[in-house]
Amino acid sequence: MQKTHIHSVLFALLAGVSVAVSAAEPVPLQATQPVHTQATTPAAAEAGKVNLNVADASTLERELLGIGAVKASAIVEYRTANGAFASVDDLLEVKGIGAATLEKNRDRLSIN
């Protein structure tokens, strides 16, 4: 008798779940768009890093933390005036870029 009661309760529970699932509104599927990323070099694309020696101001602004339009332009201007960055630490030579900003972005930067 107890076994029959457990089976009845279990059947009612599963039937209720089945009705709830079939009565729920369907979620429309959305077509996914491929994500296009533009990297300056294949190595930079694989590593997901911003190359300080070739990135333009809009890329620097978009990809780096704490870098707005003014600082991004300053980085490009410094590179134009002084040549390529020899190391990521050379970013400290750019006016407006401090150690905290460099450390926030160190893992995002490359010079290759």
PDB file of N, CA and C in Angstrom:
ATOM      1  N   MET A   1       0.819  -1.183   0.000  1.00  0.00           N
ATOM      2  CA  MET A   1       0.000   0.000   0.000  1.00  0.00           C
ATOM      3  C   MET A   1       0.873   1.261   0.000  1.00  0.00           C
ATOM      4  N   GLN A   2       1.899   1.282   0.851  1.00  0.00           N
ATOM      5  CA  GLN A   2       2.771   2.440   0.935  1.00  0.00           C
ATOM      6  C   GLN A   2       3.524   2.644  -0.396  1.00  0.00           C
ATOM      7  N   LYS A   3       3.900   1.547  -1.020  1.00  0.00           N
ATOM      8  CA  LYS A   3       4.601   1.625  -2.294  1.00  0.00           C
ATOM      9  C   LYS A   3       3.696   2.247  -3.363  1.00  0.00           C
ATOM     10  N   THR A   4       2.457   1.913  -3.373  1.00  0.00           N
ATOM     11  CA  THR A   4       1.501   2.463  -4.330  1.00  0.00           C
ATOM     12  C   THR A   4       1.325   3.960  -4.089  1.00  0.00           C
ATOM     13  N   HIS A   5       1.277   4.339  -2.835  1.00  0.00           N
ATOM     14  CA  HIS A   5       1.119   5.756  -2.489  1.00  0.00           C
ATOM     15  C   HIS A   5       2.328   6.570  -2.976  1.00  0.00           C
ATOM     16  N   ILE A   6       3.532   6.048  -2.785  1.00  0.00           N
ATOM     17  CA  ILE A   6       4.748   6.736  -3.243  1.00  0.00           C
ATOM     18  C   ILE A   6       4.744   6.859  -4.757  1.00  0.00           C
ATOM     19  N   HIS A   7       4.341   5.809  -5.441  1.00  0.00           N
ATOM     20  CA  HIS A   7       4.276   5.848  -6.906  1.00  0.00           C
ATOM     21  C   HIS A   7       3.247   6.865  -7.373  1.00  0.00           C
ATOM     22  N   SER A   8       2.135   6.970  -6.699  1.00  0.00           N
ATOM     23  CA  SER A   8       1.093   7.933  -7.071  1.00  0.00           C
ATOM     24  C   SER A   8       1.588   9.366  -6.892  1.00  0.00           C
ATOM     25  N   VAL A   9       2.273   9.627  -5.784  1.00  0.00           N
ATOM     26  CA  VAL A   9       2.796  10.974  -5.529  1.00  0.00           C
ATOM     27  C   VAL A   9       3.873  11.311  -6.557  1.00  0.00           C
ATOM     28  N   LEU A  10       4.741  10.367  -6.834  1.00  0.00           N
ATOM     29  CA  LEU A  10       5.789  10.583  -7.817  1.00  0.00           C
ATOM     30  C   LEU A  10       5.198  10.825  -9.203  1.00  0.00           C
ATOM     31  N   PHE A  11       4.184  10.070  -9.577  1.00  0.00           N
ATOM     32  CA  PHE A  11       3.524  10.255 -10.866  1.00  0.00           C
ATOM     33  C   PHE A  11       2.894  11.648 -10.950  1.00  0.00           C
ATOM     34  N   ALA A  12       2.231  12.073  -9.897  1.00  0.00           N
ATOM     35  CA  ALA A  12       1.597  13.392  -9.890  1.00  0.00           C
ATOM     36  C   ALA A  12       2.644  14.499 -10.008  1.00  0.00           C
ATOM     37  N   LEU A  13       3.752  14.331  -9.312  1.00  0.00           N
ATOM     38  CA  LEU A  13       4.820  15.322  -9.362  1.00  0.00           C
ATOM     39  C   LEU A  13       5.410  15.422 -10.771  1.00  0.00           C
ATOM     40  N   LEU A  14       5.713  14.289 -11.371  1.00  0.00           N
ATOM     41  CA  LEU A  14       6.283  14.286 -12.723  1.00  0.00           C
ATOM     42  C   LEU A  14       5.282  14.801 -13.756  1.00  0.00           C
ATOM     43  N   ALA A  15       4.039  14.479 -13.599  1.00  0.00           N
ATOM     44  CA  ALA A  15       3.020  14.977 -14.523  1.00  0.00           C
ATOM     45  C   ALA A  15       2.894  16.492 -14.416  1.00  0.00           C
ATOM     46  N   GLY A  16       2.964  17.004 -13.196  1.00  0.00           N
ATOM     47  CA  GLY A  16       2.897  18.453 -13.001  1.00  0.00           C
ATOM     48  C   GLY A  16       4.078  19.163 -13.642  1.00  0.00           C
ATOM     49  N   VAL A  17       5.276  18.600 -13.498  1.00  0.00           N
ATOM     50  CA  VAL A  17       6.465  19.181 -14.117  1.00  0.00           C
ATOM     51  C   VAL A  17       6.335  19.136 -15.629  1.00  0.00           C
ATOM     52  N   SER A  18       5.853  18.057 -16.163  1.00  0.00           N
ATOM     53  CA  SER A  18       5.688  17.912 -17.604  1.00  0.00           C
ATOM     54  C   SER A  18       4.726  18.960 -18.156  1.00  0.00           C
ATOM     55  N   VAL A  19       3.625  19.180 -17.463  1.00  0.00           N
ATOM     56  CA  VAL A  19       2.647  20.179 -17.898  1.00  0.00           C
ATOM     57  C   VAL A  19       3.252  21.574 -17.812  1.00  0.00           C
ATOM     58  N   ALA A  20       3.986  21.843 -16.746  1.00  0.00           N
ATOM     59  CA  ALA A  20       4.588  23.164 -16.576  1.00  0.00           C
ATOM     60  C   ALA A  20       5.601  23.450 -17.684  1.00  0.00           C
ATOM     61  N   VAL A  21       6.383  22.457 -18.036  1.00  0.00           N
ATOM     62  CA  VAL A  21       7.389  22.643 -19.087  1.00  0.00           C
ATOM     63  C   VAL A  21       6.723  22.852 -20.435  1.00  0.00           C
ATOM     64  N   SER A  22       5.708  22.078 -20.750  1.00  0.00           N
ATOM     65  CA  SER A  22       5.065  22.207 -22.051  1.00  0.00           C
ATOM     66  C   SER A  22       4.194  23.458 -22.134  1.00  0.00           C
ATOM     67  N   ALA A  23       3.741  23.979 -21.003  1.00  0.00           N
ATOM     68  CA  ALA A  23       2.900  25.172 -21.005  1.00  0.00           C
ATOM     69  C   ALA A  23       3.721  26.456 -21.009  1.00  0.00           C
ATOM     70  N   ALA A  24       5.002  26.371 -20.712  1.00  0.00           N
ATOM     71  CA  ALA A  24       5.850  27.566 -20.676  1.00  0.00           C
ATOM     72  C   ALA A  24       6.001  28.138 -22.078  1.00  0.00           C
ATOM     73  N   GLU A  25       6.143  29.466 -22.141  1.00  0.00           N
ATOM     74  CA  GLU A  25       6.313  30.104 -23.437  1.00  0.00           C
ATOM     75  C   GLU A  25       7.671  29.729 -24.022  1.00  0.00           C
ATOM     76  N   PRO A  26       7.704  29.415 -25.298  1.00  0.00           N
ATOM     77  CA  PRO A  26       8.997  29.065 -25.906  1.00  0.00           C
ATOM     78  C   PRO A  26       9.896  30.295 -25.982  1.00  0.00           C
ATOM     79  N   VAL A  27      11.158  30.072 -25.784  1.00  0.00           N
ATOM     80  CA  VAL A  27      12.152  31.134 -25.888  1.00  0.00           C
ATOM     81  C   VAL A  27      12.618  31.187 -27.337  1.00  0.00           C
ATOM     82  N   PRO A  28      12.448  32.348 -27.985  1.00  0.00           N
ATOM     83  CA  PRO A  28      12.872  32.415 -29.388  1.00  0.00           C
ATOM     84  C   PRO A  28      14.395  32.332 -29.493  1.00  0.00           C
ATOM     85  N   LEU A  29      14.842  31.588 -30.475  1.00  0.00           N
ATOM     86  CA  LEU A  29      16.271  31.455 -30.725  1.00  0.00           C
ATOM     87  C   LEU A  29      16.748  32.655 -31.513  1.00  0.00           C
ATOM     88  N   GLN A  30      17.882  33.166 -31.131  1.00  0.00           N
ATOM     89  CA  GLN A  30      18.451  34.295 -31.849  1.00  0.00           C
ATOM     90  C   GLN A  30      19.655  33.811 -32.645  1.00  0.00           C
ATOM     91  N   ALA A  31      19.738  34.285 -33.851  1.00  0.00           N
ATOM     92  CA  ALA A  31      20.889  33.940 -34.680  1.00  0.00           C
ATOM     93  C   ALA A  31      22.115  34.613 -34.099  1.00  0.00           C
ATOM     94  N   THR A  32      23.163  33.865 -34.004  1.00  0.00           N
ATOM     95  CA  THR A  32      24.393  34.449 -33.485  1.00  0.00           C
ATOM     96  C   THR A  32      25.206  35.011 -34.629  1.00  0.00           C
ATOM     97  N   GLN A  33      25.811  36.132 -34.373  1.00  0.00           N
ATOM     98  CA  GLN A  33      26.650  36.780 -35.365  1.00  0.00           C
ATOM     99  C   GLN A  33      28.101  36.436 -35.058  1.00  0.00           C
ATOM    100  N   PRO A  34      28.875  36.119 -36.047  1.00  0.00           N
ATOM    101  CA  PRO A  34      30.288  35.850 -35.773  1.00  0.00           C
ATOM    102  C   PRO A  34      30.969  37.120 -35.273  1.00  0.00           C
ATOM    103  N   VAL A  35      31.854  36.935 -34.335  1.00  0.00           N
ATOM    104  CA  VAL A  35      32.600  38.057 -33.786  1.00  0.00           C
ATOM    105  C   VAL A  35      33.856  38.241 -34.614  1.00  0.00           C
ATOM    106  N   HIS A  36      34.002  39.437 -35.150  1.00  0.00           N
ATOM    107  CA  HIS A  36      35.184  39.739 -35.953  1.00  0.00           C
ATOM    108  C   HIS A  36      36.105  40.602 -35.123  1.00  0.00           C
ATOM    109  N   THR A  37      37.298  40.122 -34.929  1.00  0.00           N
ATOM    110  CA  THR A  37      38.295  40.927 -34.241  1.00  0.00           C
ATOM    111  C   THR A  37      39.400  41.227 -35.216  1.00  0.00           C
ATOM    112  N   GLN A  38      39.922  42.408 -35.107  1.00  0.00           N
ATOM    113  CA  GLN A  38      41.000  42.800 -35.998  1.00  0.00           C
ATOM    114  C   GLN A  38      42.259  42.931 -35.167  1.00  0.00           C
ATOM    115  N   ALA A  39      43.193  42.077 -35.443  1.00  0.00           N
ATOM    116  CA  ALA A  39      44.463  42.122 -34.721  1.00  0.00           C
ATOM    117  C   ALA A  39      45.535  42.646 -35.657  1.00  0.00           C
ATOM    118  N   THR A  40      46.533  43.217 -35.053  1.00  0.00           N
ATOM    119  CA  THR A  40      47.602  43.782 -35.866  1.00  0.00           C
ATOM    120  C   THR A  40      48.566  42.708 -36.342  1.00  0.00           C
ATOM    121  N   THR A  41      48.708  41.638 -35.559  1.00  0.00           N
ATOM    122  CA  THR A  41      49.558  40.528 -35.954  1.00  0.00           C
ATOM    123  C   THR A  41      48.895  39.240 -35.505  1.00  0.00           C
ATOM    124  N   PRO A  42      49.193  38.117 -36.145  1.00  0.00           N
ATOM    125  CA  PRO A  42      48.615  36.858 -35.685  1.00  0.00           C
ATOM    126  C   PRO A  42      48.988  36.536 -34.242  1.00  0.00           C
ATOM    127  N   ALA A  43      50.202  36.869 -33.833  1.00  0.00           N
ATOM    128  CA  ALA A  43      50.615  36.587 -32.456  1.00  0.00           C
ATOM    129  C   ALA A  43      49.785  37.388 -31.477  1.00  0.00           C
ATOM    130  N   ALA A  44      49.497  38.644 -31.803  1.00  0.00           N
ATOM    131  CA  ALA A  44      48.680  39.472 -30.918  1.00  0.00           C
ATOM    132  C   ALA A  44      47.258  38.949 -30.866  1.00  0.00           C
ATOM    133  N   ALA A  45      46.756  38.443 -31.986  1.00  0.00           N
ATOM    134  CA  ALA A  45      45.404  37.907 -31.998  1.00  0.00           C
ATOM    135  C   ALA A  45      45.304  36.677 -31.109  1.00  0.00           C
ATOM    136  N   GLU A  46      46.321  35.833 -31.157  1.00  0.00           N
ATOM    137  CA  GLU A  46      46.292  34.623 -30.345  1.00  0.00           C
ATOM    138  C   GLU A  46      46.404  34.946 -28.868  1.00  0.00           C
ATOM    139  N   ALA A  47      47.247  35.881 -28.530  1.00  0.00           N
ATOM    140  CA  ALA A  47      47.461  36.214 -27.131  1.00  0.00           C
ATOM    141  C   ALA A  47      46.377  37.141 -26.611  1.00  0.00           C
ATOM    142  N   GLY A  48      45.644  37.822 -27.496  1.00  0.00           N
ATOM    143  CA  GLY A  48      44.609  38.747 -27.072  1.00  0.00           C
ATOM    144  C   GLY A  48      45.178  40.007 -26.444  1.00  0.00           C
ATOM    145  N   LYS A  49      46.361  40.396 -26.851  1.00  0.00           N
ATOM    146  CA  LYS A  49      47.014  41.566 -26.273  1.00  0.00           C
ATOM    147  C   LYS A  49      47.049  42.708 -27.278  1.00  0.00           C
ATOM    148  N   VAL A  50      47.159  43.916 -26.740  1.00  0.00           N
ATOM    149  CA  VAL A  50      47.247  45.115 -27.560  1.00  0.00           C
ATOM    150  C   VAL A  50      48.725  45.423 -27.788  1.00  0.00           C
ATOM    151  N   ASN A  51      49.110  45.529 -29.035  1.00  0.00           N
ATOM    152  CA  ASN A  51      50.490  45.838 -29.384  1.00  0.00           C
ATOM    153  C   ASN A  51      50.689  47.352 -29.313  1.00  0.00           C
ATOM    154  N   LEU A  52      51.473  47.788 -28.353  1.00  0.00           N
ATOM    155  CA  LEU A  52      51.721  49.219 -28.166  1.00  0.00           C
ATOM    156  C   LEU A  52      52.384  49.871 -29.375  1.00  0.00           C
ATOM    157  N   ASN A  53      53.100  49.106 -30.162  1.00  0.00           N
ATOM    158  CA  ASN A  53      53.842  49.676 -31.275  1.00  0.00           C
ATOM    159  C   ASN A  53      53.040  49.830 -32.559  1.00  0.00           C
ATOM    160  N   VAL A  54      51.842  49.273 -32.614  1.00  0.00           N
ATOM    161  CA  VAL A  54      51.060  49.406 -33.843  1.00  0.00           C
ATOM    162  C   VAL A  54      49.596  49.785 -33.612  1.00  0.00           C
ATOM    163  N   ALA A  55      49.101  49.686 -32.393  1.00  0.00           N
ATOM    164  CA  ALA A  55      47.686  49.969 -32.119  1.00  0.00           C
ATOM    165  C   ALA A  55      47.386  51.456 -32.317  1.00  0.00           C
ATOM    166  N   ASP A  56      46.219  51.732 -32.893  1.00  0.00           N
ATOM    167  CA  ASP A  56      45.814  53.120 -33.051  1.00  0.00           C
ATOM    168  C   ASP A  56      45.126  53.606 -31.772  1.00  0.00           C
ATOM    169  N   ALA A  57      44.843  54.881 -31.705  1.00  0.00           N
ATOM    170  CA  ALA A  57      44.287  55.490 -30.497  1.00  0.00           C
ATOM    171  C   ALA A  57      42.938  54.884 -30.119  1.00  0.00           C
ATOM    172  N   SER A  58      42.095  54.601 -31.098  1.00  0.00           N
ATOM    173  CA  SER A  58      40.774  54.045 -30.769  1.00  0.00           C
ATOM    174  C   SER A  58      40.896  52.635 -30.185  1.00  0.00           C
ATOM    175  N   THR A  59      41.843  51.847 -30.675  1.00  0.00           N
ATOM    176  CA  THR A  59      42.062  50.511 -30.121  1.00  0.00           C
ATOM    177  C   THR A  59      42.583  50.605 -28.698  1.00  0.00           C
ATOM    178  N   LEU A  60      43.527  51.486 -28.456  1.00  0.00           N
ATOM    179  CA  LEU A  60      44.065  51.667 -27.108  1.00  0.00           C
ATOM    180  C   LEU A  60      42.960  52.089 -26.139  1.00  0.00           C
ATOM    181  N   GLU A  61      42.136  53.016 -26.571  1.00  0.00           N
ATOM    182  CA  GLU A  61      41.040  53.508 -25.728  1.00  0.00           C
ATOM    183  C   GLU A  61      40.032  52.403 -25.425  1.00  0.00           C
ATOM    184  N   ARG A  62      39.717  51.614 -26.421  1.00  0.00           N
ATOM    185  CA  ARG A  62      38.713  50.563 -26.278  1.00  0.00           C
ATOM    186  C   ARG A  62      39.207  49.380 -25.451  1.00  0.00           C
ATOM    187  N   GLU A  63      40.461  48.997 -25.602  1.00  0.00           N
ATOM    188  CA  GLU A  63      40.959  47.765 -25.013  1.00  0.00           C
ATOM    189  C   GLU A  63      41.640  47.915 -23.651  1.00  0.00           C
ATOM    190  N   LEU A  64      42.064  49.113 -23.306  1.00  0.00           N
ATOM    191  CA  LEU A  64      42.834  49.290 -22.076  1.00  0.00           C
ATOM    192  C   LEU A  64      42.008  49.954 -20.987  1.00  0.00           C
ATOM    193  N   LEU A  65      42.239  49.545 -19.761  1.00  0.00           N
ATOM    194  CA  LEU A  65      41.528  50.093 -18.612  1.00  0.00           C
ATOM    195  C   LEU A  65      42.131  51.432 -18.210  1.00  0.00           C
ATOM    196  N   GLY A  66      41.279  52.424 -17.973  1.00  0.00           N
ATOM    197  CA  GLY A  66      41.745  53.725 -17.523  1.00  0.00           C
ATOM    198  C   GLY A  66      42.375  54.572 -18.610  1.00  0.00           C
ATOM    199  N   ILE A  67      42.225  54.168 -19.847  1.00  0.00           N
ATOM    200  CA  ILE A  67      42.784  54.914 -20.977  1.00  0.00           C
ATOM    201  C   ILE A  67      41.624  55.482 -21.786  1.00  0.00           C
ATOM    202  N   GLY A  68      41.526  56.801 -21.750  1.00  0.00           N
ATOM    203  CA  GLY A  68      40.516  57.488 -22.539  1.00  0.00           C
ATOM    204  C   GLY A  68      41.122  58.023 -23.823  1.00  0.00           C
ATOM    205  N   ALA A  69      40.369  58.871 -24.489  1.00  0.00           N
ATOM    206  CA  ALA A  69      40.812  59.408 -25.775  1.00  0.00           C
ATOM    207  C   ALA A  69      42.097  60.223 -25.651  1.00  0.00           C
ATOM    208  N   VAL A  70      42.217  61.011 -24.587  1.00  0.00           N
ATOM    209  CA  VAL A  70      43.389  61.876 -24.428  1.00  0.00           C
ATOM    210  C   VAL A  70      44.645  61.046 -24.190  1.00  0.00           C
ATOM    211  N   LYS A  71      44.570  60.077 -23.294  1.00  0.00           N
ATOM    212  CA  LYS A  71      45.753  59.249 -23.007  1.00  0.00           C
ATOM    213  C   LYS A  71      46.106  58.362 -24.200  1.00  0.00           C
ATOM    214  N   ALA A  72      45.090  57.856 -24.886  1.00  0.00           N
ATOM    215  CA  ALA A  72      45.351  57.030 -26.070  1.00  0.00           C
ATOM    216  C   ALA A  72      46.078  57.846 -27.139  1.00  0.00           C
ATOM    217  N   SER A  73      45.645  59.079 -27.338  1.00  0.00           N
ATOM    218  CA  SER A  73      46.313  59.944 -28.309  1.00  0.00           C
ATOM    219  C   SER A  73      47.738  60.260 -27.864  1.00  0.00           C
ATOM    220  N   ALA A  74      47.926  60.440 -26.549  1.00  0.00           N
ATOM    221  CA  ALA A  74      49.262  60.717 -26.024  1.00  0.00           C
ATOM    222  C   ALA A  74      50.207  59.542 -26.265  1.00  0.00           C
ATOM    223  N   ILE A  75      49.695  58.318 -26.153  1.00  0.00           N
ATOM    224  CA  ILE A  75      50.513  57.125 -26.409  1.00  0.00           C
ATOM    225  C   ILE A  75      50.953  57.099 -27.876  1.00  0.00           C
ATOM    226  N   VAL A  76      50.012  57.348 -28.777  1.00  0.00           N
ATOM    227  CA  VAL A  76      50.330  57.341 -30.210  1.00  0.00           C
ATOM    228  C   VAL A  76      51.310  58.464 -30.536  1.00  0.00           C
ATOM    229  N   GLU A  77      51.100  59.646 -29.960  1.00  0.00           N
ATOM    230  CA  GLU A  77      52.000  60.769 -30.212  1.00  0.00           C
ATOM    231  C   GLU A  77      53.402  60.484 -29.680  1.00  0.00           C
ATOM    232  N   TYR A  78      53.495  59.884 -28.504  1.00  0.00           N
ATOM    233  CA  TYR A  78      54.803  59.542 -27.937  1.00  0.00           C
ATOM    234  C   TYR A  78      55.521  58.553 -28.857  1.00  0.00           C
ATOM    235  N   ARG A  79      54.794  57.544 -29.328  1.00  0.00           N
ATOM    236  CA  ARG A  79      55.393  56.539 -30.218  1.00  0.00           C
ATOM    237  C   ARG A  79      55.862  57.172 -31.522  1.00  0.00           C
ATOM    238  N   THR A  80      55.086  58.112 -32.038  1.00  0.00           N
ATOM    239  CA  THR A  80      55.457  58.791 -33.276  1.00  0.00           C
ATOM    240  C   THR A  80      56.716  59.637 -33.081  1.00  0.00           C
ATOM    241  N   ALA A  81      56.799  60.318 -31.955  1.00  0.00           N
ATOM    242  CA  ALA A  81      57.933  61.207 -31.686  1.00  0.00           C
ATOM    243  C   ALA A  81      59.200  60.460 -31.273  1.00  0.00           C
ATOM    244  N   ASN A  82      59.039  59.331 -30.562  1.00  0.00           N
ATOM    245  CA  ASN A  82      60.199  58.653 -29.966  1.00  0.00           C
ATOM    246  C   ASN A  82      60.503  57.279 -30.533  1.00  0.00           C
ATOM    247  N   GLY A  83      59.707  56.810 -31.440  1.00  0.00           N
ATOM    248  CA  GLY A  83      59.921  55.479 -31.998  1.00  0.00           C
ATOM    249  C   GLY A  83      59.199  54.417 -31.193  1.00  0.00           C
ATOM    250  N   ALA A  84      59.401  53.191 -31.596  1.00  0.00           N
ATOM    251  CA  ALA A  84      58.701  52.055 -30.995  1.00  0.00           C
ATOM    252  C   ALA A  84      59.062  51.893 -29.520  1.00  0.00           C
ATOM    253  N   PHE A  85      58.112  51.371 -28.770  1.00  0.00           N
ATOM    254  CA  PHE A  85      58.355  51.054 -27.368  1.00  0.00           C
ATOM    255  C   PHE A  85      59.281  49.842 -27.304  1.00  0.00           C
ATOM    256  N   ALA A  86      60.314  49.914 -26.486  1.00  0.00           N
ATOM    257  CA  ALA A  86      61.236  48.792 -26.325  1.00  0.00           C
ATOM    258  C   ALA A  86      60.697  47.782 -25.313  1.00  0.00           C
ATOM    259  N   SER A  87      59.889  48.256 -24.377  1.00  0.00           N
ATOM    260  CA  SER A  87      59.257  47.373 -23.399  1.00  0.00           C
ATOM    261  C   SER A  87      57.936  47.994 -22.967  1.00  0.00           C
ATOM    262  N   VAL A  88      57.107  47.191 -22.361  1.00  0.00           N
ATOM    263  CA  VAL A  88      55.823  47.672 -21.860  1.00  0.00           C
ATOM    264  C   VAL A  88      56.053  48.752 -20.802  1.00  0.00           C
ATOM    265  N   ASP A  89      57.120  48.632 -20.035  1.00  0.00           N
ATOM    266  CA  ASP A  89      57.432  49.610 -18.988  1.00  0.00           C
ATOM    267  C   ASP A  89      57.709  51.004 -19.557  1.00  0.00           C
ATOM    268  N   ASP A  90      58.086  51.096 -20.819  1.00  0.00           N
ATOM    269  CA  ASP A  90      58.319  52.404 -21.445  1.00  0.00           C
ATOM    270  C   ASP A  90      57.035  53.237 -21.506  1.00  0.00           C
ATOM    271  N   LEU A  91      55.914  52.603 -21.310  1.00  0.00           N
ATOM    272  CA  LEU A  91      54.640  53.320 -21.299  1.00  0.00           C
ATOM    273  C   LEU A  91      54.612  54.366 -20.192  1.00  0.00           C
ATOM    274  N   LEU A  92      55.399  54.161 -19.147  1.00  0.00           N
ATOM    275  CA  LEU A  92      55.475  55.129 -18.045  1.00  0.00           C
ATOM    276  C   LEU A  92      56.047  56.471 -18.492  1.00  0.00           C
ATOM    277  N   GLU A  93      56.734  56.495 -19.626  1.00  0.00           N
ATOM    278  CA  GLU A  93      57.299  57.734 -20.154  1.00  0.00           C
ATOM    279  C   GLU A  93      56.238  58.637 -20.772  1.00  0.00           C
ATOM    280  N   VAL A  94      55.069  58.087 -21.046  1.00  0.00           N
ATOM    281  CA  VAL A  94      53.988  58.861 -21.658  1.00  0.00           C
ATOM    282  C   VAL A  94      53.316  59.707 -20.579  1.00  0.00           C
ATOM    283  N   LYS A  95      53.163  60.987 -20.852  1.00  0.00           N
ATOM    284  CA  LYS A  95      52.544  61.897 -19.894  1.00  0.00           C
ATOM    285  C   LYS A  95      51.111  61.433 -19.609  1.00  0.00           C
ATOM    286  N   GLY A  96      50.792  61.320 -18.322  1.00  0.00           N
ATOM    287  CA  GLY A  96      49.447  60.916 -17.911  1.00  0.00           C
ATOM    288  C   GLY A  96      49.322  59.437 -17.615  1.00  0.00           C
ATOM    289  N   ILE A  97      50.349  58.653 -17.911  1.00  0.00           N
ATOM    290  CA  ILE A  97      50.325  57.222 -17.622  1.00  0.00           C
ATOM    291  C   ILE A  97      51.189  56.971 -16.395  1.00  0.00           C
ATOM    292  N   GLY A  98      50.561  56.481 -15.337  1.00  0.00           N
ATOM    293  CA  GLY A  98      51.291  56.197 -14.113  1.00  0.00           C
ATOM    294  C   GLY A  98      51.435  54.706 -13.881  1.00  0.00           C
ATOM    295  N   ALA A  99      52.094  54.381 -12.788  1.00  0.00           N
ATOM    296  CA  ALA A  99      52.349  52.977 -12.458  1.00  0.00           C
ATOM    297  C   ALA A  99      51.052  52.195 -12.259  1.00  0.00           C
ATOM    298  N   ALA A 100      50.051  52.814 -11.649  1.00  0.00           N
ATOM    299  CA  ALA A 100      48.783  52.104 -11.406  1.00  0.00           C
ATOM    300  C   ALA A 100      48.101  51.731 -12.722  1.00  0.00           C
ATOM    301  N   THR A 101      48.089  52.669 -13.660  1.00  0.00           N
ATOM    302  CA  THR A 101      47.482  52.396 -14.972  1.00  0.00           C
ATOM    303  C   THR A 101      48.252  51.310 -15.700  1.00  0.00           C
ATOM    304  N   LEU A 102      49.574  51.374 -15.638  1.00  0.00           N
ATOM    305  CA  LEU A 102      50.391  50.344 -16.278  1.00  0.00           C
ATOM    306  C   LEU A 102      50.101  48.974 -15.677  1.00  0.00           C
ATOM    307  N   GLU A 103      50.047  48.883 -14.367  1.00  0.00           N
ATOM    308  CA  GLU A 103      49.820  47.584 -13.716  1.00  0.00           C
ATOM    309  C   GLU A 103      48.444  47.022 -14.033  1.00  0.00           C
ATOM    310  N   LYS A 104      47.431  47.893 -14.140  1.00  0.00           N
ATOM    311  CA  LYS A 104      46.083  47.428 -14.496  1.00  0.00           C
ATOM    312  C   LYS A 104      46.062  46.801 -15.882  1.00  0.00           C
ATOM    313  N   ASN A 105      46.956  47.269 -16.746  1.00  0.00           N
ATOM    314  CA  ASN A 105      46.934  46.850 -18.141  1.00  0.00           C
ATOM    315  C   ASN A 105      48.099  45.966 -18.569  1.00  0.00           C
ATOM    316  N   ARG A 106      49.012  45.692 -17.679  1.00  0.00           N
ATOM    317  CA  ARG A 106      50.229  44.947 -18.049  1.00  0.00           C
ATOM    318  C   ARG A 106      49.919  43.655 -18.799  1.00  0.00           C
ATOM    319  N   ASP A 107      48.942  42.895 -18.341  1.00  0.00           N
ATOM    320  CA  ASP A 107      48.603  41.619 -18.983  1.00  0.00           C
ATOM    321  C   ASP A 107      47.913  41.794 -20.325  1.00  0.00           C
ATOM    322  N   ARG A 108      47.488  42.992 -20.631  1.00  0.00           N
ATOM    323  CA  ARG A 108      46.797  43.271 -21.885  1.00  0.00           C
ATOM    324  C   ARG A 108      47.739  43.823 -22.956  1.00  0.00           C
ATOM    325  N   LEU A 109      48.972  44.095 -22.587  1.00  0.00           N
ATOM    326  CA  LEU A 109      49.893  44.795 -23.474  1.00  0.00           C
ATOM    327  C   LEU A 109      51.005  43.909 -24.014  1.00  0.00           C
ATOM    328  N   SER A 110      51.446  44.241 -25.215  1.00  0.00           N
ATOM    329  CA  SER A 110      52.621  43.598 -25.802  1.00  0.00           C
ATOM    330  C   SER A 110      53.347  44.653 -26.637  1.00  0.00           C
ATOM    331  N   ILE A 111      54.549  44.339 -27.030  1.00  0.00           N
ATOM    332  CA  ILE A 111      55.298  45.246 -27.914  1.00  0.00           C
ATOM    333  C   ILE A 111      55.704  44.539 -29.201  1.00  0.00           C
ATOM    334  N   ASN A 112      55.291  43.292 -29.375  1.00  0.00           N
ATOM    335  CA  ASN A 112      55.637  42.509 -30.566  1.00  0.00           C
ATOM    336  C   ASN A 112      54.562  42.621 -31.603  1.00  0.00           C
TER     337      ASN A 112
END
